[in-house]
Amino acid sequence: MPTPDFAEALAPVDVGDDGPIALAASLDVTAADRLQAQILARLSADAPVVLCGRDVQRVSTACLQVLVAARRRALAQGVGFALAAPSAVLRQAVLDLGLAAALGFGEA
């Protein structure tokens, strides 16, 4: 099975004036509620969600679940969603859990 090309997965998304949400270095279980609140604030305003994942060094399945749910909601609302510059740790977690398609990796 080919590895998804994460660079190709990053279709341009206009983030407006708010810019991307920088993901924390540690996306552990305790970070899930805060992450969800940040994303829901964007989605509630019908604003696109762009997340910068370059600093992620630890990621929990709870936070990945938040990301998957957020992408689904963004698609349902017709607003953009992108996970930009995912760190190696974040990329590997997504691949290990089989979430590449659910997070839109490989779509251009």
N, C-alpha and C. Protein backbone atom coordinates (compact mmCIF):
# COMPACT_ATOMS: atom_id res chain seq x y z
N MET A 1 0.85 -1.18 0.00
CA MET A 1 0.00 0.00 0.00
C MET A 1 0.89 1.24 0.00
N PRO A 2 0.72 2.16 -0.95
CA PRO A 2 1.58 3.33 -1.01
C PRO A 2 1.33 4.26 0.18
N THR A 3 2.40 4.90 0.60
CA THR A 3 2.30 5.88 1.68
C THR A 3 1.71 7.15 1.12
N PRO A 4 0.68 7.72 1.77
CA PRO A 4 0.09 8.96 1.28
C PRO A 4 1.13 10.07 1.24
N ASP A 5 1.08 10.87 0.22
CA ASP A 5 1.98 12.01 0.10
C ASP A 5 1.36 13.18 0.84
N PHE A 6 1.92 13.49 2.00
CA PHE A 6 1.34 14.53 2.83
C PHE A 6 1.48 15.90 2.20
N ALA A 7 2.48 16.12 1.41
CA ALA A 7 2.62 17.42 0.74
C ALA A 7 1.48 17.62 -0.23
N GLU A 8 1.10 16.57 -0.94
CA GLU A 8 -0.01 16.68 -1.89
C GLU A 8 -1.35 16.86 -1.18
N ALA A 9 -1.42 16.42 0.08
CA ALA A 9 -2.67 16.50 0.81
C ALA A 9 -3.01 17.92 1.23
N LEU A 10 -2.06 18.81 1.11
CA LEU A 10 -2.25 20.16 1.63
C LEU A 10 -2.76 21.09 0.55
N ALA A 11 -4.01 20.92 0.21
CA ALA A 11 -4.63 21.82 -0.75
C ALA A 11 -4.74 23.20 -0.11
N PRO A 12 -4.54 24.26 -0.89
CA PRO A 12 -4.62 25.60 -0.30
C PRO A 12 -5.99 25.88 0.27
N VAL A 13 -6.01 26.45 1.47
CA VAL A 13 -7.25 26.83 2.13
C VAL A 13 -7.07 28.26 2.60
N ASP A 14 -7.97 29.14 2.21
CA ASP A 14 -7.92 30.52 2.67
C ASP A 14 -8.35 30.56 4.12
N VAL A 15 -7.45 31.01 5.02
CA VAL A 15 -7.75 31.01 6.45
C VAL A 15 -8.27 32.35 6.93
N GLY A 16 -8.43 33.30 6.03
CA GLY A 16 -8.94 34.60 6.44
C GLY A 16 -7.95 35.33 7.33
N ASP A 17 -8.47 36.13 8.24
CA ASP A 17 -7.62 36.93 9.09
C ASP A 17 -7.08 36.18 10.30
N ASP A 18 -7.66 35.04 10.63
CA ASP A 18 -7.28 34.35 11.85
C ASP A 18 -6.00 33.53 11.73
N GLY A 19 -5.62 33.14 10.55
CA GLY A 19 -4.43 32.34 10.37
C GLY A 19 -4.62 30.92 10.89
N PRO A 20 -3.59 30.10 10.71
CA PRO A 20 -3.71 28.70 11.14
C PRO A 20 -3.69 28.57 12.66
N ILE A 21 -4.27 27.50 13.13
CA ILE A 21 -4.20 27.13 14.55
C ILE A 21 -2.94 26.30 14.72
N ALA A 22 -2.03 26.75 15.57
CA ALA A 22 -0.81 25.99 15.84
C ALA A 22 -1.12 24.89 16.84
N LEU A 23 -0.89 23.66 16.44
CA LEU A 23 -1.12 22.54 17.34
C LEU A 23 0.00 22.49 18.38
N ALA A 24 -0.36 22.13 19.60
CA ALA A 24 0.60 22.05 20.70
C ALA A 24 1.59 20.91 20.46
N ALA A 25 2.74 21.00 21.09
CA ALA A 25 3.74 19.94 20.98
C ALA A 25 3.21 18.63 21.55
N SER A 26 2.42 18.72 22.60
CA SER A 26 1.85 17.53 23.22
C SER A 26 0.34 17.55 23.05
N LEU A 27 -0.14 16.73 22.15
CA LEU A 27 -1.58 16.58 21.94
C LEU A 27 -2.05 15.34 22.70
N ASP A 28 -1.89 15.39 24.01
CA ASP A 28 -2.31 14.27 24.84
C ASP A 28 -3.80 14.40 25.15
N VAL A 29 -4.30 13.50 25.96
CA VAL A 29 -5.74 13.47 26.27
C VAL A 29 -6.19 14.79 26.88
N THR A 30 -5.35 15.40 27.70
CA THR A 30 -5.75 16.65 28.35
C THR A 30 -5.87 17.81 27.37
N ALA A 31 -5.28 17.68 26.19
CA ALA A 31 -5.34 18.74 25.19
C ALA A 31 -6.57 18.64 24.29
N ALA A 32 -7.28 17.53 24.35
CA ALA A 32 -8.38 17.29 23.41
C ALA A 32 -9.50 18.32 23.54
N ASP A 33 -9.90 18.65 24.77
CA ASP A 33 -11.00 19.61 24.95
C ASP A 33 -10.63 20.99 24.41
N ARG A 34 -9.41 21.43 24.70
CA ARG A 34 -8.97 22.75 24.21
C ARG A 34 -8.90 22.76 22.68
N LEU A 35 -8.35 21.70 22.11
CA LEU A 35 -8.27 21.60 20.66
C LEU A 35 -9.66 21.64 20.04
N GLN A 36 -10.57 20.89 20.61
CA GLN A 36 -11.95 20.87 20.10
C GLN A 36 -12.57 22.27 20.17
N ALA A 37 -12.36 22.97 21.28
CA ALA A 37 -12.93 24.31 21.43
C ALA A 37 -12.36 25.28 20.40
N GLN A 38 -11.06 25.20 20.14
CA GLN A 38 -10.45 26.08 19.14
C GLN A 38 -11.03 25.82 17.76
N ILE A 39 -11.17 24.56 17.42
CA ILE A 39 -11.68 24.21 16.10
C ILE A 39 -13.16 24.57 15.98
N LEU A 40 -13.94 24.29 17.02
CA LEU A 40 -15.36 24.60 16.97
C LEU A 40 -15.63 26.10 16.85
N ALA A 41 -14.75 26.91 17.44
CA ALA A 41 -14.89 28.36 17.29
C ALA A 41 -14.80 28.77 15.83
N ARG A 42 -13.87 28.17 15.10
CA ARG A 42 -13.74 28.46 13.66
C ARG A 42 -14.95 27.95 12.90
N LEU A 43 -15.33 26.71 13.19
CA LEU A 43 -16.44 26.13 12.46
C LEU A 43 -17.76 26.83 12.75
N SER A 44 -17.94 27.29 13.98
CA SER A 44 -19.16 28.02 14.34
C SER A 44 -19.27 29.33 13.58
N ALA A 45 -18.13 29.88 13.17
CA ALA A 45 -18.12 31.12 12.39
C ALA A 45 -18.08 30.83 10.89
N ASP A 46 -18.28 29.56 10.52
CA ASP A 46 -18.17 29.13 9.12
C ASP A 46 -16.84 29.53 8.51
N ALA A 47 -15.81 29.52 9.33
CA ALA A 47 -14.46 29.86 8.86
C ALA A 47 -13.69 28.57 8.59
N PRO A 48 -12.82 28.59 7.59
CA PRO A 48 -12.00 27.41 7.31
C PRO A 48 -11.08 27.10 8.48
N VAL A 49 -10.73 25.84 8.60
CA VAL A 49 -9.84 25.38 9.66
C VAL A 49 -8.53 24.93 9.04
N VAL A 50 -7.46 25.60 9.41
CA VAL A 50 -6.13 25.18 9.00
C VAL A 50 -5.33 25.00 10.29
N LEU A 51 -4.76 23.82 10.42
CA LEU A 51 -4.01 23.45 11.60
C LEU A 51 -2.55 23.25 11.22
N CYS A 52 -1.64 23.87 11.94
CA CYS A 52 -0.21 23.69 11.70
C CYS A 52 0.31 22.66 12.68
N GLY A 53 0.76 21.54 12.18
CA GLY A 53 1.19 20.43 13.03
C GLY A 53 2.68 20.24 13.14
N ARG A 54 3.47 21.24 12.77
CA ARG A 54 4.93 21.07 12.73
C ARG A 54 5.56 20.82 14.10
N ASP A 55 4.93 21.29 15.20
CA ASP A 55 5.54 21.16 16.52
C ASP A 55 5.08 19.93 17.30
N VAL A 56 4.18 19.14 16.75
CA VAL A 56 3.61 18.00 17.47
C VAL A 56 4.69 16.93 17.70
N GLN A 57 4.88 16.60 18.98
CA GLN A 57 5.84 15.56 19.36
C GLN A 57 5.16 14.37 20.04
N ARG A 58 3.92 14.56 20.47
CA ARG A 58 3.15 13.49 21.10
C ARG A 58 1.69 13.71 20.70
N VAL A 59 1.02 12.60 20.37
CA VAL A 59 -0.38 12.73 19.95
C VAL A 59 -1.19 11.56 20.48
N SER A 60 -2.35 11.88 21.01
CA SER A 60 -3.24 10.85 21.54
C SER A 60 -4.32 10.52 20.52
N THR A 61 -4.92 9.37 20.68
CA THR A 61 -6.03 9.02 19.80
C THR A 61 -7.21 9.96 20.04
N ALA A 62 -7.34 10.47 21.26
CA ALA A 62 -8.43 11.43 21.54
C ALA A 62 -8.30 12.67 20.67
N CYS A 63 -7.10 13.19 20.53
CA CYS A 63 -6.90 14.38 19.69
C CYS A 63 -7.07 14.05 18.22
N LEU A 64 -6.64 12.87 17.81
CA LEU A 64 -6.86 12.48 16.42
C LEU A 64 -8.35 12.33 16.14
N GLN A 65 -9.10 11.84 17.12
CA GLN A 65 -10.55 11.75 16.96
C GLN A 65 -11.17 13.13 16.79
N VAL A 66 -10.67 14.11 17.54
CA VAL A 66 -11.14 15.50 17.40
C VAL A 66 -10.87 15.99 15.98
N LEU A 67 -9.68 15.71 15.46
CA LEU A 67 -9.33 16.16 14.10
C LEU A 67 -10.23 15.52 13.05
N VAL A 68 -10.48 14.23 13.18
CA VAL A 68 -11.33 13.53 12.21
C VAL A 68 -12.75 14.10 12.26
N ALA A 69 -13.28 14.28 13.45
CA ALA A 69 -14.64 14.84 13.59
C ALA A 69 -14.71 16.26 13.04
N ALA A 70 -13.66 17.03 13.27
CA ALA A 70 -13.64 18.41 12.77
C ALA A 70 -13.61 18.43 11.25
N ARG A 71 -12.84 17.56 10.65
CA ARG A 71 -12.79 17.52 9.19
C ARG A 71 -14.16 17.13 8.62
N ARG A 72 -14.79 16.16 9.24
CA ARG A 72 -16.13 15.74 8.77
C ARG A 72 -17.11 16.90 8.85
N ARG A 73 -17.06 17.63 9.96
CA ARG A 73 -17.98 18.76 10.11
C ARG A 73 -17.66 19.85 9.10
N ALA A 74 -16.38 20.13 8.90
CA ALA A 74 -15.99 21.15 7.92
C ALA A 74 -16.49 20.78 6.53
N LEU A 75 -16.34 19.52 6.15
CA LEU A 75 -16.83 19.08 4.84
C LEU A 75 -18.35 19.23 4.76
N ALA A 76 -19.05 18.87 5.83
CA ALA A 76 -20.51 18.98 5.84
C ALA A 76 -20.95 20.43 5.73
N GLN A 77 -20.18 21.34 6.31
CA GLN A 77 -20.51 22.77 6.26
C GLN A 77 -20.03 23.43 4.98
N GLY A 78 -19.18 22.75 4.23
CA GLY A 78 -18.64 23.33 3.01
C GLY A 78 -17.53 24.33 3.25
N VAL A 79 -16.83 24.20 4.38
CA VAL A 79 -15.69 25.08 4.65
C VAL A 79 -14.40 24.26 4.55
N GLY A 80 -13.30 24.94 4.33
CA GLY A 80 -12.03 24.27 4.16
C GLY A 80 -11.50 23.68 5.46
N PHE A 81 -10.72 22.62 5.30
CA PHE A 81 -10.02 21.99 6.42
C PHE A 81 -8.69 21.49 5.90
N ALA A 82 -7.61 21.83 6.58
CA ALA A 82 -6.29 21.35 6.18
C ALA A 82 -5.41 21.17 7.40
N LEU A 83 -4.61 20.14 7.35
CA LEU A 83 -3.60 19.89 8.37
C LEU A 83 -2.26 20.15 7.70
N ALA A 84 -1.72 21.34 7.97
CA ALA A 84 -0.51 21.79 7.29
C ALA A 84 0.74 21.39 8.06
N ALA A 85 1.78 21.07 7.35
CA ALA A 85 3.11 20.79 7.89
C ALA A 85 3.07 19.82 9.07
N PRO A 86 2.45 18.66 8.91
CA PRO A 86 2.43 17.72 10.04
C PRO A 86 3.83 17.23 10.36
N SER A 87 4.14 17.16 11.65
CA SER A 87 5.44 16.64 12.08
C SER A 87 5.53 15.16 11.74
N ALA A 88 6.73 14.62 11.82
CA ALA A 88 6.92 13.19 11.56
C ALA A 88 6.11 12.35 12.55
N VAL A 89 6.05 12.79 13.80
CA VAL A 89 5.28 12.07 14.83
C VAL A 89 3.80 12.07 14.48
N LEU A 90 3.28 13.20 14.08
CA LEU A 90 1.87 13.30 13.73
C LEU A 90 1.57 12.47 12.48
N ARG A 91 2.42 12.57 11.48
CA ARG A 91 2.23 11.77 10.26
C ARG A 91 2.20 10.28 10.59
N GLN A 92 3.14 9.85 11.41
CA GLN A 92 3.23 8.42 11.74
C GLN A 92 2.00 7.95 12.52
N ALA A 93 1.53 8.77 13.44
CA ALA A 93 0.33 8.40 14.21
C ALA A 93 -0.88 8.26 13.29
N VAL A 94 -1.01 9.17 12.36
CA VAL A 94 -2.12 9.12 11.40
C VAL A 94 -2.03 7.84 10.57
N LEU A 95 -0.84 7.52 10.11
CA LEU A 95 -0.66 6.31 9.31
C LEU A 95 -0.87 5.05 10.14
N ASP A 96 -0.31 5.03 11.36
CA ASP A 96 -0.43 3.85 12.21
C ASP A 96 -1.88 3.52 12.53
N LEU A 97 -2.70 4.54 12.68
CA LEU A 97 -4.11 4.33 13.02
C LEU A 97 -5.02 4.26 11.80
N GLY A 98 -4.44 4.33 10.62
CA GLY A 98 -5.23 4.20 9.40
C GLY A 98 -6.17 5.38 9.16
N LEU A 99 -5.75 6.57 9.56
CA LEU A 99 -6.62 7.75 9.45
C LEU A 99 -6.27 8.69 8.30
N ALA A 100 -5.38 8.26 7.42
CA ALA A 100 -4.96 9.14 6.33
C ALA A 100 -6.16 9.60 5.49
N ALA A 101 -7.03 8.69 5.11
CA ALA A 101 -8.19 9.05 4.29
C ALA A 101 -9.16 9.92 5.10
N ALA A 102 -9.35 9.61 6.37
CA ALA A 102 -10.29 10.37 7.19
C ALA A 102 -9.84 11.80 7.40
N LEU A 103 -8.52 12.02 7.30
CA LEU A 103 -7.98 13.38 7.46
C LEU A 103 -7.67 14.04 6.12
N GLY A 104 -8.01 13.35 5.03
CA GLY A 104 -7.86 13.95 3.71
C GLY A 104 -6.48 13.88 3.12
N PHE A 105 -5.58 13.09 3.69
CA PHE A 105 -4.25 12.98 3.13
C PHE A 105 -4.33 12.20 1.82
N GLY A 106 -3.62 12.68 0.84
CA GLY A 106 -3.64 12.04 -0.46
C GLY A 106 -4.66 12.65 -1.40
N GLU A 107 -5.49 13.58 -0.89
CA GLU A 107 -6.45 14.28 -1.75
C GLU A 107 -5.81 15.58 -2.20
N ALA A 108 -5.99 15.91 -3.43
CA ALA A 108 -5.43 17.17 -3.93
C ALA A 108 -6.51 18.01 -4.54
